[in-house]
C-alpha cells in the first residue's frame, strides 16, 4: 500500500537543486581544466619563443665574435711590428705634436 507524502514538493525541490548544483560544479570543473590547458599551451609557446630567441641571439653573437677574431688574425699577420717600431712611432708622433704646437705658438705671437 502506498502512503501519500504531503512533503513531496520539498523532496522534489531538494532533488532538483542537487541536480542543478552537480551540473554547475561539473561545468566549473570542465572550465577550470580547459583554462589550465590553455594556460599551459600559452606558457609553453612563450617559453619556446624565449628559448629560441636566446639560441638565435647567442648564435649571432658567437658568429660576430668569430668573424671579428678571424679578421683580427688576418690583419695581425699582415702587420709585423716589433716593440721598437711602436716606441719609434710614438716618439715621432710626440715630436710632431710638439712641432705643430710650437709652430702655432710662434704664429700667434707674431
N, C-alpha and C. Protein backbone atom coordinates (compact mmCIF):
# COMPACT_ATOMS: atom_id res chain seq x y z
N UNK A 1 0.84 -1.15 0.00
CA UNK A 1 0.00 0.00 0.00
C UNK A 1 0.90 1.24 0.00
N UNK A 2 0.50 2.21 -0.78
CA UNK A 2 1.29 3.42 -0.95
C UNK A 2 0.69 4.55 -0.13
N UNK A 3 1.57 5.17 0.73
CA UNK A 3 1.09 6.29 1.55
C UNK A 3 1.46 7.61 0.88
N UNK A 4 0.53 8.50 0.87
CA UNK A 4 0.75 9.81 0.25
C UNK A 4 1.59 10.67 1.20
N UNK A 5 2.72 11.23 0.66
CA UNK A 5 3.61 12.08 1.45
C UNK A 5 3.24 13.54 1.19
N UNK A 6 2.84 14.27 2.20
CA UNK A 6 2.44 15.66 1.96
C UNK A 6 3.63 16.59 1.68
N UNK A 7 4.84 16.13 1.94
CA UNK A 7 6.04 16.97 1.73
C UNK A 7 6.77 16.64 0.43
N UNK A 8 6.07 15.99 -0.51
CA UNK A 8 6.75 15.61 -1.76
C UNK A 8 7.25 16.81 -2.56
N UNK A 9 6.63 18.00 -2.54
CA UNK A 9 7.22 19.12 -3.28
C UNK A 9 8.60 19.50 -2.73
N UNK A 10 8.78 19.40 -1.42
CA UNK A 10 10.10 19.72 -0.84
C UNK A 10 11.15 18.69 -1.26
N UNK A 11 10.74 17.44 -1.30
CA UNK A 11 11.67 16.39 -1.72
C UNK A 11 12.05 16.58 -3.19
N UNK A 12 11.08 16.90 -4.01
CA UNK A 12 11.37 17.14 -5.43
C UNK A 12 12.26 18.36 -5.61
N UNK A 13 12.04 19.38 -4.80
CA UNK A 13 12.87 20.58 -4.85
C UNK A 13 14.31 20.27 -4.43
N UNK A 14 14.46 19.45 -3.41
CA UNK A 14 15.80 19.06 -2.97
C UNK A 14 16.54 18.30 -4.06
N UNK A 15 15.86 17.38 -4.72
CA UNK A 15 16.49 16.59 -5.79
C UNK A 15 16.85 17.48 -6.97
N UNK A 16 15.98 18.40 -7.33
CA UNK A 16 16.25 19.30 -8.46
C UNK A 16 17.43 20.23 -8.14
N UNK A 17 17.47 20.74 -6.91
CA UNK A 17 18.60 21.61 -6.55
C UNK A 17 19.91 20.83 -6.52
N UNK A 18 19.87 19.57 -6.09
CA UNK A 18 21.07 18.74 -6.09
C UNK A 18 21.56 18.50 -7.52
N UNK A 19 20.62 18.24 -8.44
CA UNK A 19 20.99 18.06 -9.84
C UNK A 19 21.59 19.35 -10.41
N UNK A 20 20.98 20.48 -10.11
CA UNK A 20 21.49 21.76 -10.61
C UNK A 20 22.88 22.07 -10.06
N UNK A 21 23.07 21.78 -8.77
CA UNK A 21 24.38 22.04 -8.16
C UNK A 21 25.44 21.14 -8.75
N UNK A 22 25.13 19.87 -8.94
CA UNK A 22 26.12 18.96 -9.51
C UNK A 22 26.44 19.34 -10.96
N UNK A 23 25.44 19.79 -11.71
CA UNK A 23 25.68 20.24 -13.09
C UNK A 23 26.56 21.48 -13.11
N UNK A 24 26.28 22.42 -12.22
CA UNK A 24 27.08 23.64 -12.14
C UNK A 24 28.53 23.32 -11.77
N UNK A 25 28.72 22.44 -10.80
CA UNK A 25 30.09 22.07 -10.40
C UNK A 25 30.82 21.35 -11.53
N UNK A 26 30.12 20.51 -12.26
CA UNK A 26 30.74 19.82 -13.40
C UNK A 26 31.17 20.82 -14.48
N UNK A 27 30.30 21.80 -14.75
CA UNK A 27 30.66 22.83 -15.74
C UNK A 27 31.87 23.64 -15.29
N UNK A 28 31.91 24.00 -14.01
CA UNK A 28 33.06 24.75 -13.48
C UNK A 28 34.34 23.93 -13.55
N UNK A 29 34.23 22.63 -13.29
CA UNK A 29 35.41 21.76 -13.36
C UNK A 29 35.93 21.67 -14.79
N UNK A 30 35.02 21.52 -15.75
CA UNK A 30 35.42 21.47 -17.16
C UNK A 30 36.06 22.78 -17.58
N UNK A 31 35.47 23.90 -17.16
CA UNK A 31 36.03 25.22 -17.48
C UNK A 31 37.43 25.37 -16.88
N UNK A 32 37.58 24.93 -15.65
CA UNK A 32 38.88 25.03 -14.98
C UNK A 32 39.94 24.20 -15.72
N UNK A 33 39.58 23.01 -16.14
CA UNK A 33 40.54 22.17 -16.86
C UNK A 33 40.89 22.77 -18.22
N UNK A 34 39.89 23.35 -18.89
CA UNK A 34 40.17 23.99 -20.18
C UNK A 34 41.07 25.21 -20.01
N UNK A 35 40.84 25.98 -18.95
CA UNK A 35 41.69 27.15 -18.69
C UNK A 35 43.12 26.72 -18.36
N UNK A 36 43.25 25.64 -17.59
CA UNK A 36 44.58 25.13 -17.28
C UNK A 36 45.29 24.67 -18.55
N UNK A 37 44.56 24.01 -19.43
CA UNK A 37 45.14 23.54 -20.68
C UNK A 37 45.56 24.71 -21.55
N UNK A 38 44.68 25.72 -21.66
CA UNK A 38 45.00 26.91 -22.45
C UNK A 38 46.21 27.64 -21.87
N UNK A 39 46.23 27.81 -20.56
CA UNK A 39 47.37 28.47 -19.92
C UNK A 39 48.67 27.71 -20.11
N UNK A 40 48.58 26.39 -20.05
CA UNK A 40 49.77 25.58 -20.28
C UNK A 40 50.28 25.71 -21.70
N UNK A 41 49.36 25.74 -22.66
CA UNK A 41 49.78 25.90 -24.06
C UNK A 41 50.40 27.27 -24.31
N UNK A 42 49.78 28.31 -23.76
CA UNK A 42 50.31 29.67 -23.94
C UNK A 42 51.67 29.79 -23.25
N UNK A 43 51.77 29.26 -22.04
CA UNK A 43 53.04 29.29 -21.33
C UNK A 43 54.13 28.52 -22.06
N UNK A 44 53.76 27.40 -22.64
CA UNK A 44 54.72 26.62 -23.41
C UNK A 44 55.20 27.37 -24.64
N UNK A 45 54.29 28.05 -25.32
CA UNK A 45 54.68 28.83 -26.50
C UNK A 45 55.58 30.00 -26.12
N UNK A 46 55.27 30.66 -25.01
CA UNK A 46 56.11 31.77 -24.56
C UNK A 46 57.51 31.26 -24.19
N UNK A 47 57.57 30.15 -23.48
CA UNK A 47 58.88 29.58 -23.11
C UNK A 47 59.65 29.16 -24.35
N UNK A 48 58.98 28.55 -25.31
CA UNK A 48 59.65 28.14 -26.54
C UNK A 48 60.18 29.35 -27.30
N UNK A 49 59.40 30.43 -27.34
CA UNK A 49 59.84 31.66 -28.01
C UNK A 49 61.06 32.24 -27.32
N UNK A 50 61.04 32.29 -25.99
CA UNK A 50 62.18 32.83 -25.26
C UNK A 50 63.44 32.00 -25.45
N UNK A 51 63.30 30.69 -25.40
CA UNK A 51 64.47 29.82 -25.55
C UNK A 51 65.02 29.91 -26.97
N UNK A 52 64.14 29.92 -27.98
CA UNK A 52 64.63 30.02 -29.36
C UNK A 52 65.28 31.38 -29.61
N UNK A 53 64.73 32.45 -29.02
CA UNK A 53 65.35 33.77 -29.14
C UNK A 53 66.72 33.81 -28.50
N UNK A 54 66.86 33.14 -27.36
CA UNK A 54 68.17 33.07 -26.70
C UNK A 54 69.17 32.32 -27.56
N UNK A 55 68.74 31.24 -28.16
CA UNK A 55 69.65 30.46 -29.01
C UNK A 55 70.06 31.26 -30.24
N UNK A 56 69.11 31.94 -30.86
CA UNK A 56 69.41 32.73 -32.06
C UNK A 56 70.36 33.87 -31.73
N UNK A 57 70.10 34.59 -30.63
CA UNK A 57 70.97 35.72 -30.28
C UNK A 57 72.36 35.24 -29.89
N UNK A 58 72.46 34.11 -29.22
CA UNK A 58 73.77 33.56 -28.87
C UNK A 58 74.53 33.15 -30.13
N UNK A 59 73.83 32.56 -31.08
CA UNK A 59 74.47 32.15 -32.33
C UNK A 59 74.97 33.37 -33.10
N UNK A 60 74.16 34.41 -33.17
CA UNK A 60 74.57 35.64 -33.88
C UNK A 60 75.77 36.28 -33.20
N UNK A 61 75.75 36.35 -31.86
CA UNK A 61 76.87 36.94 -31.13
C UNK A 61 78.14 36.10 -31.31
N UNK A 62 77.99 34.78 -31.29
CA UNK A 62 79.15 33.91 -31.50
C UNK A 62 79.71 34.05 -32.90
N UNK A 63 78.84 34.15 -33.89
CA UNK A 63 79.29 34.33 -35.27
C UNK A 63 80.00 35.66 -35.45
N UNK A 64 79.48 36.71 -34.81
CA UNK A 64 80.12 38.02 -34.91
C UNK A 64 81.50 37.99 -34.24
N UNK A 65 81.59 37.34 -33.09
CA UNK A 65 82.89 37.25 -32.41
C UNK A 65 83.88 36.44 -33.25
N UNK A 66 83.42 35.36 -33.86
CA UNK A 66 84.30 34.55 -34.71
C UNK A 66 84.76 35.36 -35.92
N UNK A 67 83.85 36.12 -36.54
CA UNK A 67 84.20 36.94 -37.69
C UNK A 67 85.24 38.00 -37.32
N UNK A 68 85.03 38.66 -36.18
CA UNK A 68 85.99 39.68 -35.74
C UNK A 68 87.33 39.05 -35.44
N UNK A 69 87.34 37.90 -34.79
CA UNK A 69 88.59 37.22 -34.46
C UNK A 69 89.34 36.82 -35.73
N UNK A 70 88.62 36.33 -36.73
CA UNK A 70 89.28 35.94 -37.97
C UNK A 70 89.85 37.16 -38.70
N UNK A 71 89.11 38.28 -38.73
CA UNK A 71 89.63 39.48 -39.37
C UNK A 71 90.82 40.04 -38.62
N UNK A 72 90.78 40.01 -37.30
CA UNK A 72 91.90 40.49 -36.49
C UNK A 72 93.12 39.62 -36.72
N UNK A 73 92.91 38.33 -36.81
CA UNK A 73 94.02 37.40 -37.01
C UNK A 73 94.66 37.64 -38.37
N UNK A 74 93.85 37.86 -39.41
CA UNK A 74 94.41 38.10 -40.74
C UNK A 74 95.10 39.46 -40.79
N UNK A 75 94.58 40.47 -40.07
CA UNK A 75 95.24 41.77 -40.02
C UNK A 75 96.54 41.70 -39.24
N UNK A 76 96.58 40.90 -38.19
CA UNK A 76 97.81 40.75 -37.42
C UNK A 76 98.90 40.07 -38.23
N UNK A 77 98.51 39.19 -39.12
CA UNK A 77 99.50 38.51 -39.96
C UNK A 77 100.11 39.48 -40.97
N UNK A 78 99.32 40.47 -41.42
CA UNK A 78 99.81 41.42 -42.41
C UNK A 78 100.78 42.43 -41.81
N UNK A 79 100.55 42.84 -40.58
CA UNK A 79 101.37 43.86 -39.95
C UNK A 79 102.32 43.19 -38.96
N UNK A 80 103.60 43.28 -39.25
CA UNK A 80 104.61 42.72 -38.35
C UNK A 80 105.39 43.87 -37.74
N UNK A 81 105.00 44.28 -36.55
CA UNK A 81 105.67 45.38 -35.88
C UNK A 81 106.34 44.84 -34.63
N UNK A 82 107.52 45.34 -34.36
CA UNK A 82 108.21 44.97 -33.13
C UNK A 82 107.96 46.06 -32.10
N UNK A 83 108.43 45.83 -30.90
CA UNK A 83 108.26 46.83 -29.84
C UNK A 83 109.04 48.09 -30.15
N UNK A 84 110.20 47.95 -30.81
CA UNK A 84 111.00 49.12 -31.17
C UNK A 84 110.25 50.00 -32.17
N UNK A 85 109.55 49.37 -33.11
CA UNK A 85 108.79 50.15 -34.09
C UNK A 85 107.67 50.94 -33.41
N UNK A 86 107.02 50.33 -32.42
CA UNK A 86 105.95 51.00 -31.70
C UNK A 86 106.50 52.19 -30.93
N UNK A 87 107.63 52.00 -30.26
CA UNK A 87 108.25 53.09 -29.49
C UNK A 87 108.68 54.21 -30.42
N UNK A 88 109.27 53.88 -31.58
CA UNK A 88 109.69 54.90 -32.53
C UNK A 88 108.48 55.66 -33.09
N UNK A 89 107.38 54.95 -33.35
CA UNK A 89 106.19 55.60 -33.87
C UNK A 89 105.61 56.56 -32.82
N UNK A 90 105.64 56.17 -31.56
CA UNK A 90 105.15 57.06 -30.50
C UNK A 90 106.05 58.28 -30.37
N UNK A 91 107.36 58.08 -30.47
CA UNK A 91 108.28 59.21 -30.35
C UNK A 91 108.08 60.18 -31.50
N UNK A 92 107.87 59.66 -32.71
CA UNK A 92 107.66 60.52 -33.87
C UNK A 92 106.37 61.31 -33.70
N UNK A 93 105.32 60.67 -33.20
CA UNK A 93 104.06 61.38 -33.04
C UNK A 93 104.16 62.45 -31.96
N UNK A 94 104.93 62.20 -30.90
CA UNK A 94 105.12 63.20 -29.86
C UNK A 94 105.92 64.37 -30.42
N UNK A 95 107.00 64.11 -31.18
CA UNK A 95 107.79 65.18 -31.80
C UNK A 95 106.93 66.01 -32.75
N UNK A 96 106.09 65.33 -33.52
CA UNK A 96 105.21 66.03 -34.45
C UNK A 96 104.24 66.94 -33.69
N UNK A 97 103.69 66.44 -32.57
CA UNK A 97 102.75 67.23 -31.76
C UNK A 97 103.43 68.49 -31.24
N UNK A 98 104.64 68.32 -30.69
CA UNK A 98 105.35 69.49 -30.16
C UNK A 98 105.75 70.46 -31.26
N UNK A 99 106.10 69.94 -32.43
CA UNK A 99 106.47 70.82 -33.55
C UNK A 99 105.26 71.63 -34.01
N UNK A 100 104.12 71.00 -34.11
CA UNK A 100 102.92 71.70 -34.54
C UNK A 100 102.49 72.70 -33.49
N UNK A 101 102.57 72.34 -32.22
CA UNK A 101 102.17 73.24 -31.13
C UNK A 101 103.09 74.45 -31.06
N UNK A 102 104.39 74.23 -31.19
CA UNK A 102 105.33 75.35 -31.13
C UNK A 102 105.15 76.25 -32.35
N UNK A 103 104.87 75.68 -33.51
CA UNK A 103 104.64 76.48 -34.71
C UNK A 103 103.41 77.37 -34.53
N UNK A 104 102.37 76.84 -33.90
CA UNK A 104 101.16 77.62 -33.65
C UNK A 104 101.45 78.76 -32.66
N UNK A 105 102.26 78.47 -31.65
CA UNK A 105 102.60 79.50 -30.70
C UNK A 105 103.39 80.63 -31.36
N UNK A 106 104.32 80.26 -32.26
CA UNK A 106 105.13 81.27 -32.94
C UNK A 106 104.26 82.13 -33.84
N UNK A 107 103.33 81.51 -34.55
CA UNK A 107 102.48 82.29 -35.44
C UNK A 107 101.49 83.17 -34.68
N UNK A 108 101.04 82.74 -33.50
CA UNK A 108 100.10 83.57 -32.74
C UNK A 108 100.81 84.73 -32.05
N UNK A 109 102.09 84.58 -31.75
CA UNK A 109 102.84 85.66 -31.10
C UNK A 109 103.21 86.76 -32.09
N UNK A 110 103.37 86.40 -33.35
CA UNK A 110 103.78 87.39 -34.36
C UNK A 110 102.63 88.15 -34.86
